[in-house]
Amino acid sequence: MNEALSYPTELLELTVGSRRLPLLRVKDLEQYVDREALLKDEAEEPPYWAHLWTGALTLAHYVDAHLNCAGASVLDLGCGLGLTGIIAALKGGRVTFADKEPDAIAFAAANARRNCCPAFTARTLDFTTEELDARFSLILGAEILYDRSTFPALARFLARHLDAHGRAVFADARRTNTEEFYRQLDLVGLRWRREERREREDGLPLVVGIVTIHREGAHYGD
């Protein structure tokens, strides 16, 4: 299988529930992150999309175990390598992979094909400036709450693009202070609840919140 990807790749084998998933990722990712420049605020934003975040794994397991995706319209927002959207697609969802980085879209699409996802589309999207001509019954976001300046726009995007009985499910490991995001959800009339998962990252404990967001009065079943 020949994918036109702009980074050297390596193949990672993951197990999510009963599923064994091959996932392409960037080989030797550390060489693309200039840590000294980051400390001086001189570097471009690192390729966050290329890292397989612990929250993405947590959300993938949650989708696999708890969400009914059959027939659902699903948006994997800030999709990165595409893991959570792949799980939703394999469970019968019609998935749109979306990320502001074209390289992320290329990797997500390549990984979706590699895992034989039956129905998906992939497109670049900056949710701070762009909208889609669609609403979704499920919006997934794995560790996309890292830039506080985007929180108002993200809350408005969710309010516009969740259908009447839809929900968003985010993984939030609180790598930055995310309290303002939840205040913004309140301001646009969305309700939310958080449940915590205790994980390990690099041998250390990490708490990942699974946050479910919905319209007031919306009802749904898993």
N, C-alpha and C. Protein backbone atom coordinates (compact mmCIF):
# COMPACT_ATOMS: atom_id res chain seq x y z
N MET A 1 0.85 -1.19 0.00
CA MET A 1 0.00 0.00 0.00
C MET A 1 0.89 1.24 0.00
N ASN A 2 0.81 2.10 -1.04
CA ASN A 2 1.68 3.26 -1.16
C ASN A 2 0.91 4.53 -0.84
N GLU A 3 1.22 5.17 0.29
CA GLU A 3 0.62 6.42 0.67
C GLU A 3 1.57 7.57 0.35
N ALA A 4 1.03 8.67 -0.20
CA ALA A 4 1.84 9.84 -0.50
C ALA A 4 1.89 10.71 0.76
N LEU A 5 2.84 10.41 1.65
CA LEU A 5 2.97 11.12 2.91
C LEU A 5 4.29 11.88 2.93
N SER A 6 4.29 13.03 3.58
CA SER A 6 5.44 13.92 3.50
C SER A 6 6.43 13.71 4.63
N TYR A 7 6.23 12.72 5.46
CA TYR A 7 7.18 12.37 6.53
C TYR A 7 7.54 10.90 6.41
N PRO A 8 8.73 10.51 6.84
CA PRO A 8 9.03 9.08 6.95
C PRO A 8 8.11 8.46 7.99
N THR A 9 7.73 7.22 7.77
CA THR A 9 6.72 6.60 8.63
C THR A 9 7.25 5.33 9.28
N GLU A 10 6.57 4.96 10.35
CA GLU A 10 6.74 3.65 10.95
C GLU A 10 5.35 3.13 11.30
N LEU A 11 5.23 1.82 11.38
CA LEU A 11 3.94 1.20 11.62
C LEU A 11 3.83 0.79 13.08
N LEU A 12 2.77 1.25 13.72
CA LEU A 12 2.49 0.92 15.12
C LEU A 12 1.30 -0.01 15.16
N GLU A 13 1.41 -1.07 15.93
CA GLU A 13 0.28 -2.00 16.10
C GLU A 13 -0.39 -1.71 17.43
N LEU A 14 -1.67 -1.39 17.39
CA LEU A 14 -2.43 -1.07 18.60
C LEU A 14 -3.53 -2.10 18.80
N THR A 15 -3.92 -2.28 20.06
CA THR A 15 -5.09 -3.09 20.38
C THR A 15 -6.07 -2.22 21.13
N VAL A 16 -7.26 -2.09 20.59
CA VAL A 16 -8.34 -1.34 21.23
C VAL A 16 -9.53 -2.28 21.36
N GLY A 17 -9.82 -2.68 22.60
CA GLY A 17 -10.84 -3.70 22.80
C GLY A 17 -10.40 -4.99 22.13
N SER A 18 -11.25 -5.50 21.27
CA SER A 18 -10.91 -6.73 20.54
C SER A 18 -10.30 -6.44 19.17
N ARG A 19 -10.07 -5.18 18.87
CA ARG A 19 -9.58 -4.80 17.55
C ARG A 19 -8.06 -4.62 17.55
N ARG A 20 -7.42 -5.18 16.54
CA ARG A 20 -5.99 -4.95 16.33
C ARG A 20 -5.87 -3.98 15.16
N LEU A 21 -5.23 -2.84 15.42
CA LEU A 21 -5.21 -1.76 14.45
C LEU A 21 -3.77 -1.42 14.06
N PRO A 22 -3.43 -1.48 12.77
CA PRO A 22 -2.15 -0.93 12.32
C PRO A 22 -2.31 0.58 12.11
N LEU A 23 -1.35 1.33 12.62
CA LEU A 23 -1.44 2.79 12.53
C LEU A 23 -0.10 3.35 12.08
N LEU A 24 -0.11 4.07 10.97
CA LEU A 24 1.10 4.76 10.52
C LEU A 24 1.31 6.03 11.34
N ARG A 25 2.54 6.26 11.75
CA ARG A 25 2.86 7.50 12.43
C ARG A 25 4.21 8.01 11.92
N VAL A 26 4.55 9.24 12.31
CA VAL A 26 5.81 9.84 11.88
C VAL A 26 6.97 9.16 12.60
N LYS A 27 7.95 8.73 11.84
CA LYS A 27 9.14 8.10 12.41
C LYS A 27 10.07 9.17 12.98
N ASP A 28 10.61 8.88 14.17
CA ASP A 28 11.56 9.80 14.82
C ASP A 28 10.97 11.20 14.95
N LEU A 29 9.79 11.28 15.52
CA LEU A 29 9.07 12.54 15.63
C LEU A 29 9.88 13.61 16.37
N GLU A 30 10.69 13.21 17.34
CA GLU A 30 11.42 14.18 18.15
C GLU A 30 12.31 15.10 17.31
N GLN A 31 12.77 14.63 16.17
CA GLN A 31 13.67 15.46 15.37
C GLN A 31 12.97 16.66 14.76
N TYR A 32 11.62 16.67 14.78
CA TYR A 32 10.87 17.79 14.22
C TYR A 32 10.46 18.81 15.28
N VAL A 33 10.87 18.61 16.52
CA VAL A 33 10.52 19.52 17.61
C VAL A 33 11.79 20.18 18.12
N ASP A 34 11.90 21.48 17.92
CA ASP A 34 13.05 22.26 18.38
C ASP A 34 12.74 22.76 19.79
N ARG A 35 13.18 22.00 20.80
CA ARG A 35 12.82 22.33 22.18
C ARG A 35 13.42 23.66 22.63
N GLU A 36 14.63 23.95 22.22
CA GLU A 36 15.25 25.22 22.63
C GLU A 36 14.48 26.41 22.06
N ALA A 37 14.08 26.31 20.80
CA ALA A 37 13.31 27.40 20.20
C ALA A 37 11.95 27.54 20.85
N LEU A 38 11.35 26.41 21.23
CA LEU A 38 10.06 26.48 21.92
C LEU A 38 10.17 27.24 23.22
N LEU A 39 11.23 27.00 23.96
CA LEU A 39 11.42 27.69 25.24
C LEU A 39 11.57 29.19 25.04
N LYS A 40 12.06 29.60 23.89
CA LYS A 40 12.24 31.02 23.60
C LYS A 40 11.08 31.60 22.81
N ASP A 41 10.02 30.80 22.59
CA ASP A 41 8.86 31.23 21.81
C ASP A 41 9.25 31.66 20.39
N GLU A 42 10.27 31.00 19.84
CA GLU A 42 10.73 31.35 18.50
C GLU A 42 10.34 30.32 17.45
N ALA A 43 9.80 29.21 17.89
CA ALA A 43 9.53 28.12 16.94
C ALA A 43 8.10 28.18 16.43
N GLU A 44 7.93 27.62 15.24
CA GLU A 44 6.58 27.37 14.78
C GLU A 44 5.94 26.31 15.67
N GLU A 45 4.61 26.25 15.61
CA GLU A 45 3.91 25.25 16.41
C GLU A 45 4.40 23.85 16.03
N PRO A 46 4.78 23.04 17.02
CA PRO A 46 5.24 21.68 16.69
C PRO A 46 4.11 20.87 16.04
N PRO A 47 4.45 19.77 15.41
CA PRO A 47 3.42 18.93 14.78
C PRO A 47 2.66 18.12 15.83
N TYR A 48 1.85 18.82 16.64
CA TYR A 48 1.08 18.15 17.69
C TYR A 48 0.23 17.02 17.12
N TRP A 49 -0.25 17.21 15.90
CA TRP A 49 -1.13 16.23 15.28
C TRP A 49 -0.46 14.86 15.15
N ALA A 50 0.89 14.85 15.06
CA ALA A 50 1.60 13.61 14.77
C ALA A 50 1.86 12.76 16.00
N HIS A 51 1.65 13.33 17.18
CA HIS A 51 1.89 12.58 18.41
C HIS A 51 0.64 11.78 18.77
N LEU A 52 0.81 10.54 19.16
CA LEU A 52 -0.32 9.73 19.60
C LEU A 52 -0.53 9.99 21.09
N TRP A 53 -1.39 10.94 21.38
CA TRP A 53 -1.60 11.37 22.75
C TRP A 53 -2.32 10.31 23.58
N THR A 54 -2.01 10.28 24.85
CA THR A 54 -2.68 9.34 25.75
C THR A 54 -4.19 9.53 25.70
N GLY A 55 -4.63 10.77 25.62
CA GLY A 55 -6.07 11.03 25.54
C GLY A 55 -6.72 10.43 24.32
N ALA A 56 -5.99 10.36 23.21
CA ALA A 56 -6.55 9.73 22.00
C ALA A 56 -6.78 8.24 22.23
N LEU A 57 -5.84 7.60 22.90
CA LEU A 57 -6.02 6.19 23.23
C LEU A 57 -7.19 6.00 24.20
N THR A 58 -7.29 6.88 25.20
CA THR A 58 -8.39 6.79 26.16
C THR A 58 -9.73 6.96 25.46
N LEU A 59 -9.81 7.96 24.58
CA LEU A 59 -11.07 8.19 23.87
C LEU A 59 -11.39 7.06 22.92
N ALA A 60 -10.38 6.50 22.26
CA ALA A 60 -10.62 5.36 21.37
C ALA A 60 -11.22 4.19 22.13
N HIS A 61 -10.67 3.89 23.31
CA HIS A 61 -11.22 2.80 24.13
C HIS A 61 -12.65 3.12 24.57
N TYR A 62 -12.91 4.40 24.88
CA TYR A 62 -14.26 4.78 25.31
C TYR A 62 -15.25 4.62 24.16
N VAL A 63 -14.89 5.08 22.98
CA VAL A 63 -15.77 4.93 21.82
C VAL A 63 -16.04 3.45 21.55
N ASP A 64 -14.99 2.64 21.62
CA ASP A 64 -15.14 1.21 21.34
C ASP A 64 -16.08 0.55 22.35
N ALA A 65 -15.96 0.91 23.62
CA ALA A 65 -16.70 0.21 24.67
C ALA A 65 -18.10 0.77 24.92
N HIS A 66 -18.31 2.07 24.64
CA HIS A 66 -19.52 2.71 25.16
C HIS A 66 -20.41 3.40 24.14
N LEU A 67 -19.95 3.69 22.95
CA LEU A 67 -20.75 4.50 22.03
C LEU A 67 -21.31 3.66 20.89
N ASN A 68 -22.58 3.90 20.62
CA ASN A 68 -23.23 3.28 19.47
C ASN A 68 -23.04 4.19 18.27
N CYS A 69 -22.22 3.79 17.34
CA CYS A 69 -21.90 4.63 16.19
C CYS A 69 -22.64 4.21 14.92
N ALA A 70 -23.40 3.14 14.95
CA ALA A 70 -24.03 2.61 13.74
C ALA A 70 -24.94 3.66 13.11
N GLY A 71 -24.63 4.02 11.87
CA GLY A 71 -25.44 4.98 11.14
C GLY A 71 -25.24 6.42 11.55
N ALA A 72 -24.36 6.68 12.51
CA ALA A 72 -24.18 8.04 13.02
C ALA A 72 -23.31 8.86 12.07
N SER A 73 -23.60 10.14 11.98
CA SER A 73 -22.71 11.07 11.28
C SER A 73 -21.69 11.56 12.31
N VAL A 74 -20.42 11.30 12.05
CA VAL A 74 -19.36 11.51 13.04
C VAL A 74 -18.33 12.47 12.47
N LEU A 75 -17.94 13.45 13.30
CA LEU A 75 -16.84 14.35 12.96
C LEU A 75 -15.71 14.08 13.93
N ASP A 76 -14.55 13.66 13.40
CA ASP A 76 -13.33 13.51 14.21
C ASP A 76 -12.57 14.81 14.06
N LEU A 77 -12.75 15.72 15.03
CA LEU A 77 -12.26 17.08 14.94
C LEU A 77 -10.84 17.16 15.50
N GLY A 78 -9.92 17.76 14.72
CA GLY A 78 -8.52 17.72 15.13
C GLY A 78 -8.03 16.29 15.14
N CYS A 79 -8.26 15.59 14.04
CA CYS A 79 -8.18 14.13 14.00
C CYS A 79 -6.77 13.59 14.20
N GLY A 80 -5.73 14.38 13.92
CA GLY A 80 -4.38 13.85 14.06
C GLY A 80 -4.19 12.62 13.20
N LEU A 81 -3.75 11.53 13.80
CA LEU A 81 -3.51 10.28 13.07
C LEU A 81 -4.78 9.52 12.75
N GLY A 82 -5.92 9.95 13.34
CA GLY A 82 -7.21 9.37 12.95
C GLY A 82 -7.73 8.25 13.82
N LEU A 83 -7.08 7.95 14.93
CA LEU A 83 -7.42 6.75 15.70
C LEU A 83 -8.88 6.72 16.14
N THR A 84 -9.37 7.78 16.78
CA THR A 84 -10.74 7.71 17.34
C THR A 84 -11.77 7.63 16.22
N GLY A 85 -11.53 8.36 15.14
CA GLY A 85 -12.47 8.28 14.02
C GLY A 85 -12.47 6.91 13.37
N ILE A 86 -11.33 6.26 13.34
CA ILE A 86 -11.26 4.91 12.79
C ILE A 86 -12.13 3.95 13.60
N ILE A 87 -12.05 4.05 14.92
CA ILE A 87 -12.89 3.19 15.76
C ILE A 87 -14.36 3.46 15.46
N ALA A 88 -14.75 4.74 15.37
CA ALA A 88 -16.14 5.07 15.08
C ALA A 88 -16.58 4.53 13.73
N ALA A 89 -15.69 4.61 12.72
CA ALA A 89 -16.02 4.10 11.39
C ALA A 89 -16.19 2.59 11.41
N LEU A 90 -15.30 1.90 12.12
CA LEU A 90 -15.41 0.44 12.19
C LEU A 90 -16.65 -0.01 12.95
N LYS A 91 -17.20 0.89 13.77
CA LYS A 91 -18.45 0.59 14.46
C LYS A 91 -19.68 1.07 13.69
N GLY A 92 -19.49 1.45 12.44
CA GLY A 92 -20.63 1.77 11.58
C GLY A 92 -20.91 3.23 11.39
N GLY A 93 -20.05 4.13 11.90
CA GLY A 93 -20.27 5.55 11.72
C GLY A 93 -19.82 6.04 10.34
N ARG A 94 -20.46 7.09 9.87
CA ARG A 94 -20.05 7.78 8.65
C ARG A 94 -19.15 8.93 9.08
N VAL A 95 -17.86 8.75 8.97
CA VAL A 95 -16.90 9.61 9.64
C VAL A 95 -16.30 10.64 8.68
N THR A 96 -16.23 11.89 9.16
CA THR A 96 -15.46 12.93 8.51
C THR A 96 -14.25 13.23 9.39
N PHE A 97 -13.06 12.99 8.86
CA PHE A 97 -11.83 13.35 9.54
C PHE A 97 -11.52 14.81 9.19
N ALA A 98 -11.25 15.64 10.22
CA ALA A 98 -10.99 17.05 9.96
C ALA A 98 -9.84 17.53 10.84
N ASP A 99 -8.94 18.29 10.23
CA ASP A 99 -7.81 18.85 10.95
C ASP A 99 -7.34 20.07 10.16
N LYS A 100 -6.77 21.04 10.85
CA LYS A 100 -6.28 22.22 10.14
C LYS A 100 -4.98 21.94 9.40
N GLU A 101 -4.30 20.84 9.74
CA GLU A 101 -3.02 20.51 9.11
C GLU A 101 -3.22 19.51 7.98
N PRO A 102 -2.85 19.86 6.74
CA PRO A 102 -3.00 18.92 5.63
C PRO A 102 -2.26 17.60 5.85
N ASP A 103 -1.10 17.65 6.51
CA ASP A 103 -0.37 16.40 6.76
C ASP A 103 -1.16 15.47 7.67
N ALA A 104 -1.87 16.03 8.64
CA ALA A 104 -2.71 15.20 9.51
C ALA A 104 -3.80 14.52 8.70
N ILE A 105 -4.42 15.25 7.79
CA ILE A 105 -5.47 14.67 6.95
C ILE A 105 -4.90 13.53 6.11
N ALA A 106 -3.70 13.72 5.58
CA ALA A 106 -3.09 12.66 4.78
C ALA A 106 -2.86 11.40 5.61
N PHE A 107 -2.35 11.56 6.84
CA PHE A 107 -2.12 10.41 7.69
C PHE A 107 -3.43 9.76 8.12
N ALA A 108 -4.42 10.57 8.50
CA ALA A 108 -5.70 10.00 8.94
C ALA A 108 -6.35 9.20 7.82
N ALA A 109 -6.33 9.75 6.61
CA ALA A 109 -6.93 9.04 5.48
C ALA A 109 -6.17 7.75 5.17
N ALA A 110 -4.84 7.82 5.22
CA ALA A 110 -4.04 6.62 4.98
C ALA A 110 -4.32 5.55 6.03
N ASN A 111 -4.45 5.97 7.29
CA ASN A 111 -4.74 5.01 8.36
C ASN A 111 -6.15 4.45 8.25
N ALA A 112 -7.11 5.28 7.83
CA ALA A 112 -8.47 4.78 7.63
C ALA A 112 -8.51 3.72 6.53
N ARG A 113 -7.80 3.98 5.43
CA ARG A 113 -7.74 2.98 4.35
C ARG A 113 -7.05 1.71 4.83
N ARG A 114 -5.96 1.89 5.58
CA ARG A 114 -5.20 0.73 6.05
C ARG A 114 -6.06 -0.17 6.94
N ASN A 115 -6.99 0.45 7.68
CA ASN A 115 -7.86 -0.31 8.57
C ASN A 115 -9.21 -0.65 7.96
N CYS A 116 -9.31 -0.45 6.63
CA CYS A 116 -10.50 -0.86 5.87
C CYS A 116 -11.77 -0.21 6.39
N CYS A 117 -11.68 1.08 6.72
CA CYS A 117 -12.88 1.79 7.16
C CYS A 117 -13.85 1.89 5.99
N PRO A 118 -15.11 1.55 6.21
CA PRO A 118 -16.04 1.43 5.08
C PRO A 118 -16.58 2.74 4.55
N ALA A 119 -16.65 3.79 5.37
CA ALA A 119 -17.27 5.04 4.92
C ALA A 119 -16.62 6.20 5.64
N PHE A 120 -15.84 7.00 4.89
CA PHE A 120 -15.23 8.16 5.51
C PHE A 120 -14.89 9.20 4.46
N THR A 121 -14.78 10.43 4.91
CA THR A 121 -14.22 11.51 4.12
C THR A 121 -13.17 12.21 4.98
N ALA A 122 -12.31 12.99 4.36
CA ALA A 122 -11.26 13.68 5.09
C ALA A 122 -11.06 15.05 4.45
N ARG A 123 -10.94 16.08 5.30
CA ARG A 123 -10.79 17.44 4.77
C ARG A 123 -10.09 18.32 5.78
N THR A 124 -9.38 19.33 5.26
CA THR A 124 -8.78 20.31 6.14
C THR A 124 -9.88 21.23 6.68
N LEU A 125 -9.72 21.64 7.94
CA LEU A 125 -10.70 22.50 8.59
C LEU A 125 -10.05 23.21 9.75
N ASP A 126 -10.15 24.52 9.78
CA ASP A 126 -9.76 25.31 10.93
C ASP A 126 -11.05 25.78 11.60
N PHE A 127 -11.40 25.18 12.72
CA PHE A 127 -12.70 25.47 13.33
C PHE A 127 -12.78 26.90 13.86
N THR A 128 -11.66 27.59 13.96
CA THR A 128 -11.71 28.97 14.45
C THR A 128 -12.18 29.94 13.37
N THR A 129 -12.09 29.54 12.10
CA THR A 129 -12.45 30.45 11.01
C THR A 129 -13.40 29.84 9.98
N GLU A 130 -13.61 28.53 10.02
CA GLU A 130 -14.41 27.86 8.99
C GLU A 130 -15.59 27.13 9.60
N GLU A 131 -16.61 26.95 8.77
CA GLU A 131 -17.77 26.16 9.15
C GLU A 131 -17.98 25.06 8.12
N LEU A 132 -18.81 24.09 8.49
CA LEU A 132 -19.19 23.03 7.58
C LEU A 132 -20.67 23.15 7.27
N ASP A 133 -21.06 22.70 6.13
CA ASP A 133 -22.47 22.70 5.76
C ASP A 133 -23.10 21.39 6.21
N ALA A 134 -23.01 21.12 7.50
CA ALA A 134 -23.51 19.86 8.04
C ALA A 134 -23.61 19.95 9.55
N ARG A 135 -24.47 19.11 10.10
CA ARG A 135 -24.50 18.89 11.54
C ARG A 135 -24.22 17.40 11.79
N PHE A 136 -23.75 17.10 12.99
CA PHE A 136 -23.29 15.76 13.28
C PHE A 136 -23.97 15.23 14.54
N SER A 137 -24.19 13.92 14.54
CA SER A 137 -24.74 13.30 15.74
C SER A 137 -23.66 12.98 16.75
N LEU A 138 -22.39 12.95 16.32
CA LEU A 138 -21.29 12.69 17.23
C LEU A 138 -20.06 13.47 16.75
N ILE A 139 -19.50 14.28 17.64
CA ILE A 139 -18.25 14.99 17.36
C ILE A 139 -17.22 14.52 18.38
N LEU A 140 -16.09 14.04 17.90
CA LEU A 140 -15.02 13.52 18.75
C LEU A 140 -13.85 14.49 18.74
N GLY A 141 -13.23 14.68 19.91
CA GLY A 141 -12.05 15.53 20.00
C GLY A 141 -11.09 15.00 21.05
N ALA A 142 -9.92 14.55 20.63
CA ALA A 142 -8.94 13.95 21.54
C ALA A 142 -7.80 14.94 21.79
N GLU A 143 -7.77 15.51 22.98
CA GLU A 143 -6.71 16.42 23.39
C GLU A 143 -6.53 17.59 22.41
N ILE A 144 -7.65 18.21 22.06
CA ILE A 144 -7.57 19.40 21.20
C ILE A 144 -7.72 20.69 22.02
N LEU A 145 -7.78 20.56 23.35
CA LEU A 145 -7.93 21.73 24.22
C LEU A 145 -6.57 22.17 24.75
N TYR A 146 -5.73 22.66 23.85
CA TYR A 146 -4.39 23.07 24.29
C TYR A 146 -4.11 24.55 24.04
N ASP A 147 -4.95 25.22 23.25
CA ASP A 147 -4.77 26.64 22.94
C ASP A 147 -5.97 27.40 23.49
N ARG A 148 -5.78 28.09 24.60
CA ARG A 148 -6.91 28.74 25.27
C ARG A 148 -7.57 29.81 24.40
N SER A 149 -6.82 30.40 23.48
CA SER A 149 -7.41 31.44 22.64
C SER A 149 -8.49 30.91 21.71
N THR A 150 -8.51 29.59 21.47
CA THR A 150 -9.49 28.99 20.56
C THR A 150 -10.76 28.55 21.27
N PHE A 151 -10.81 28.61 22.59
CA PHE A 151 -11.94 28.03 23.32
C PHE A 151 -13.29 28.66 22.95
N PRO A 152 -13.40 30.00 22.83
CA PRO A 152 -14.70 30.55 22.43
C PRO A 152 -15.15 30.07 21.05
N ALA A 153 -14.22 30.05 20.10
CA ALA A 153 -14.58 29.60 18.75
C ALA A 153 -14.97 28.14 18.74
N LEU A 154 -14.29 27.31 19.53
CA LEU A 154 -14.62 25.89 19.57
C LEU A 154 -16.01 25.67 20.15
N ALA A 155 -16.34 26.39 21.21
CA ALA A 155 -17.68 26.25 21.79
C ALA A 155 -18.75 26.65 20.78
N ARG A 156 -18.51 27.75 20.06
CA ARG A 156 -19.48 28.18 19.04
C ARG A 156 -19.59 27.15 17.92
N PHE A 157 -18.46 26.57 17.52
CA PHE A 157 -18.47 25.55 16.47
C PHE A 157 -19.33 24.36 16.89
N LEU A 158 -19.16 23.91 18.13
CA LEU A 158 -19.97 22.79 18.61
C LEU A 158 -21.45 23.14 18.62
N ALA A 159 -21.78 24.35 19.07
CA ALA A 159 -23.18 24.76 19.12
C ALA A 159 -23.80 24.78 17.73
N ARG A 160 -23.01 25.15 16.72
CA ARG A 160 -23.53 25.19 15.35
C ARG A 160 -23.63 23.82 14.71
N HIS A 161 -22.73 22.92 15.06
CA HIS A 161 -22.60 21.70 14.27
C HIS A 161 -23.07 20.42 14.95
N LEU A 162 -23.50 20.50 16.20
CA LEU A 162 -24.18 19.35 16.81
C LEU A 162 -25.63 19.34 16.39
N ASP A 163 -26.14 18.18 15.98
CA ASP A 163 -27.56 18.14 15.66
C ASP A 163 -28.38 18.13 16.95
N ALA A 164 -29.69 18.15 16.81
CA ALA A 164 -30.56 18.41 17.96
C ALA A 164 -30.33 17.43 19.11
N HIS A 165 -30.09 16.18 18.78
CA HIS A 165 -29.90 15.16 19.81
C HIS A 165 -28.48 14.61 19.81
N GLY A 166 -27.56 15.37 19.23
CA GLY A 166 -26.19 14.90 19.14
C GLY A 166 -25.38 15.22 20.38
N ARG A 167 -24.17 14.71 20.37
CA ARG A 167 -23.25 14.97 21.47
C ARG A 167 -21.83 15.04 20.94
N ALA A 168 -21.01 15.74 21.68
CA ALA A 168 -19.57 15.71 21.46
C ALA A 168 -18.95 14.97 22.63
N VAL A 169 -17.92 14.21 22.35
CA VAL A 169 -17.18 13.52 23.41
C VAL A 169 -15.71 13.85 23.23
N PHE A 170 -15.16 14.52 24.24
CA PHE A 170 -13.78 14.98 24.19
C PHE A 170 -12.95 14.26 25.25
N ALA A 171 -11.68 14.09 24.96
CA ALA A 171 -10.70 13.67 25.97
C ALA A 171 -9.88 14.89 26.36
N ASP A 172 -9.88 15.21 27.64
CA ASP A 172 -9.18 16.39 28.16
C ASP A 172 -8.24 15.97 29.27
N ALA A 173 -6.94 15.98 29.00
CA ALA A 173 -5.94 15.62 30.01
C ALA A 173 -5.44 16.85 30.77
N ARG A 174 -6.05 18.00 30.51
CA ARG A 174 -5.73 19.25 31.22
C ARG A 174 -4.23 19.55 31.19
N ARG A 175 -3.68 19.49 29.98
CA ARG A 175 -2.26 19.86 29.83
C ARG A 175 -2.10 21.38 29.91
N THR A 176 -3.21 22.10 29.79
CA THR A 176 -3.28 23.51 30.10
C THR A 176 -4.56 23.72 30.90
N ASN A 177 -4.77 24.91 31.42
CA ASN A 177 -5.99 25.20 32.18
C ASN A 177 -7.16 25.29 31.21
N THR A 178 -8.09 24.35 31.29
CA THR A 178 -9.21 24.28 30.35
C THR A 178 -10.52 24.79 30.94
N GLU A 179 -10.49 25.39 32.13
CA GLU A 179 -11.74 25.83 32.76
C GLU A 179 -12.50 26.82 31.88
N GLU A 180 -11.80 27.67 31.15
CA GLU A 180 -12.47 28.66 30.31
C GLU A 180 -13.28 27.99 29.21
N PHE A 181 -12.83 26.84 28.71
CA PHE A 181 -13.59 26.14 27.69
C PHE A 181 -14.96 25.76 28.21
N TYR A 182 -15.03 25.27 29.43
CA TYR A 182 -16.31 24.85 29.99
C TYR A 182 -17.21 26.05 30.27
N ARG A 183 -16.61 27.18 30.62
CA ARG A 183 -17.40 28.40 30.79
C ARG A 183 -17.98 28.83 29.44
N GLN A 184 -17.21 28.69 28.38
CA GLN A 184 -17.69 29.04 27.05
C GLN A 184 -18.83 28.11 26.62
N LEU A 185 -18.75 26.82 26.97
CA LEU A 185 -19.86 25.92 26.67
C LEU A 185 -21.13 26.39 27.36
N ASP A 186 -21.01 26.79 28.61
CA ASP A 186 -22.18 27.31 29.34
C ASP A 186 -22.76 28.53 28.62
N LEU A 187 -21.90 29.40 28.13
CA LEU A 187 -22.35 30.64 27.50
C LEU A 187 -23.13 30.39 26.21
N VAL A 188 -22.78 29.31 25.47
CA VAL A 188 -23.50 29.02 24.23
C VAL A 188 -24.65 28.04 24.45
N GLY A 189 -24.95 27.73 25.70
CA GLY A 189 -26.12 26.90 26.00
C GLY A 189 -25.91 25.40 25.88
N LEU A 190 -24.66 24.95 25.92
CA LEU A 190 -24.39 23.51 25.88
C LEU A 190 -24.15 22.99 27.29
N ARG A 191 -24.58 21.78 27.54
CA ARG A 191 -24.39 21.13 28.83
C ARG A 191 -23.27 20.12 28.72
N TRP A 192 -22.60 19.84 29.82
CA TRP A 192 -21.48 18.92 29.78
C TRP A 192 -21.34 18.19 31.10
N ARG A 193 -20.71 17.04 31.01
CA ARG A 193 -20.35 16.28 32.22
C ARG A 193 -18.99 15.65 31.97
N ARG A 194 -18.24 15.47 33.03
CA ARG A 194 -16.88 14.93 32.94
C ARG A 194 -16.77 13.70 33.82
N GLU A 195 -16.19 12.65 33.26
CA GLU A 195 -15.84 11.47 34.06
C GLU A 195 -14.36 11.20 33.84
N GLU A 196 -13.69 10.76 34.88
CA GLU A 196 -12.23 10.68 34.82
C GLU A 196 -11.75 9.25 34.65
N ARG A 197 -10.70 9.13 33.86
CA ARG A 197 -10.01 7.85 33.65
C ARG A 197 -8.57 8.02 34.12
N ARG A 198 -8.10 7.08 34.90
CA ARG A 198 -6.73 7.13 35.40
C ARG A 198 -5.84 6.31 34.47
N GLU A 199 -4.88 6.99 33.86
CA GLU A 199 -3.99 6.37 32.89
C GLU A 199 -2.54 6.48 33.37
N ARG A 200 -1.64 5.90 32.59
CA ARG A 200 -0.20 6.04 32.82
C ARG A 200 0.42 6.60 31.55
N GLU A 201 1.33 7.55 31.71
CA GLU A 201 2.03 8.14 30.58
C GLU A 201 3.50 8.27 30.95
N ASP A 202 4.35 7.62 30.18
CA ASP A 202 5.79 7.61 30.47
C ASP A 202 6.06 7.18 31.91
N GLY A 203 5.28 6.22 32.37
CA GLY A 203 5.47 5.67 33.71
C GLY A 203 4.88 6.49 34.83
N LEU A 204 4.24 7.61 34.51
CA LEU A 204 3.67 8.48 35.53
C LEU A 204 2.15 8.50 35.43
N PRO A 205 1.46 8.77 36.55
CA PRO A 205 0.00 8.82 36.50
C PRO A 205 -0.51 10.03 35.73
N LEU A 206 -1.58 9.85 35.00
CA LEU A 206 -2.22 10.93 34.26
C LEU A 206 -3.72 10.72 34.32
N VAL A 207 -4.46 11.76 34.68
CA VAL A 207 -5.92 11.69 34.69
C VAL A 207 -6.44 12.30 33.40
N VAL A 208 -7.21 11.53 32.67
CA VAL A 208 -7.83 11.99 31.42
C VAL A 208 -9.33 12.08 31.65
N GLY A 209 -9.88 13.26 31.41
CA GLY A 209 -11.32 13.43 31.52
C GLY A 209 -12.00 13.08 30.21
N ILE A 210 -13.05 12.28 30.30
CA ILE A 210 -13.94 12.05 29.17
C ILE A 210 -15.13 12.99 29.37
N VAL A 211 -15.25 13.95 28.48
CA VAL A 211 -16.23 15.02 28.63
C VAL A 211 -17.32 14.86 27.57
N THR A 212 -18.55 14.69 28.00
CA THR A 212 -19.69 14.57 27.09
C THR A 212 -20.44 15.88 27.06
N ILE A 213 -20.67 16.40 25.87
CA ILE A 213 -21.26 17.73 25.65
C ILE A 213 -22.52 17.56 24.81
N HIS A 214 -23.60 18.22 25.22
CA HIS A 214 -24.85 18.08 24.47
C HIS A 214 -25.72 19.32 24.69
N ARG A 215 -26.76 19.40 23.88
CA ARG A 215 -27.72 20.49 24.04
C ARG A 215 -28.60 20.23 25.26
N GLU A 216 -29.08 21.29 25.85
CA GLU A 216 -29.99 21.13 26.98
C GLU A 216 -31.24 20.40 26.55
N GLY A 217 -31.60 19.38 27.30
CA GLY A 217 -32.78 18.61 27.00
C GLY A 217 -32.58 17.48 26.02
N ALA A 218 -31.39 17.35 25.45
CA ALA A 218 -31.14 16.27 24.51
C ALA A 218 -31.05 14.94 25.25
N HIS A 219 -31.59 13.92 24.65
CA HIS A 219 -31.55 12.57 25.23
C HIS A 219 -30.96 11.61 24.21
N TYR A 220 -30.18 10.69 24.68
CA TYR A 220 -29.58 9.72 23.79
C TYR A 220 -29.23 8.49 24.62
N GLY A 221 -29.04 7.39 23.93
CA GLY A 221 -28.65 6.15 24.59
C GLY A 221 -27.42 5.59 23.96
N ASP A 222 -26.62 4.89 24.75
CA ASP A 222 -25.38 4.26 24.24
C ASP A 222 -25.71 2.89 23.68
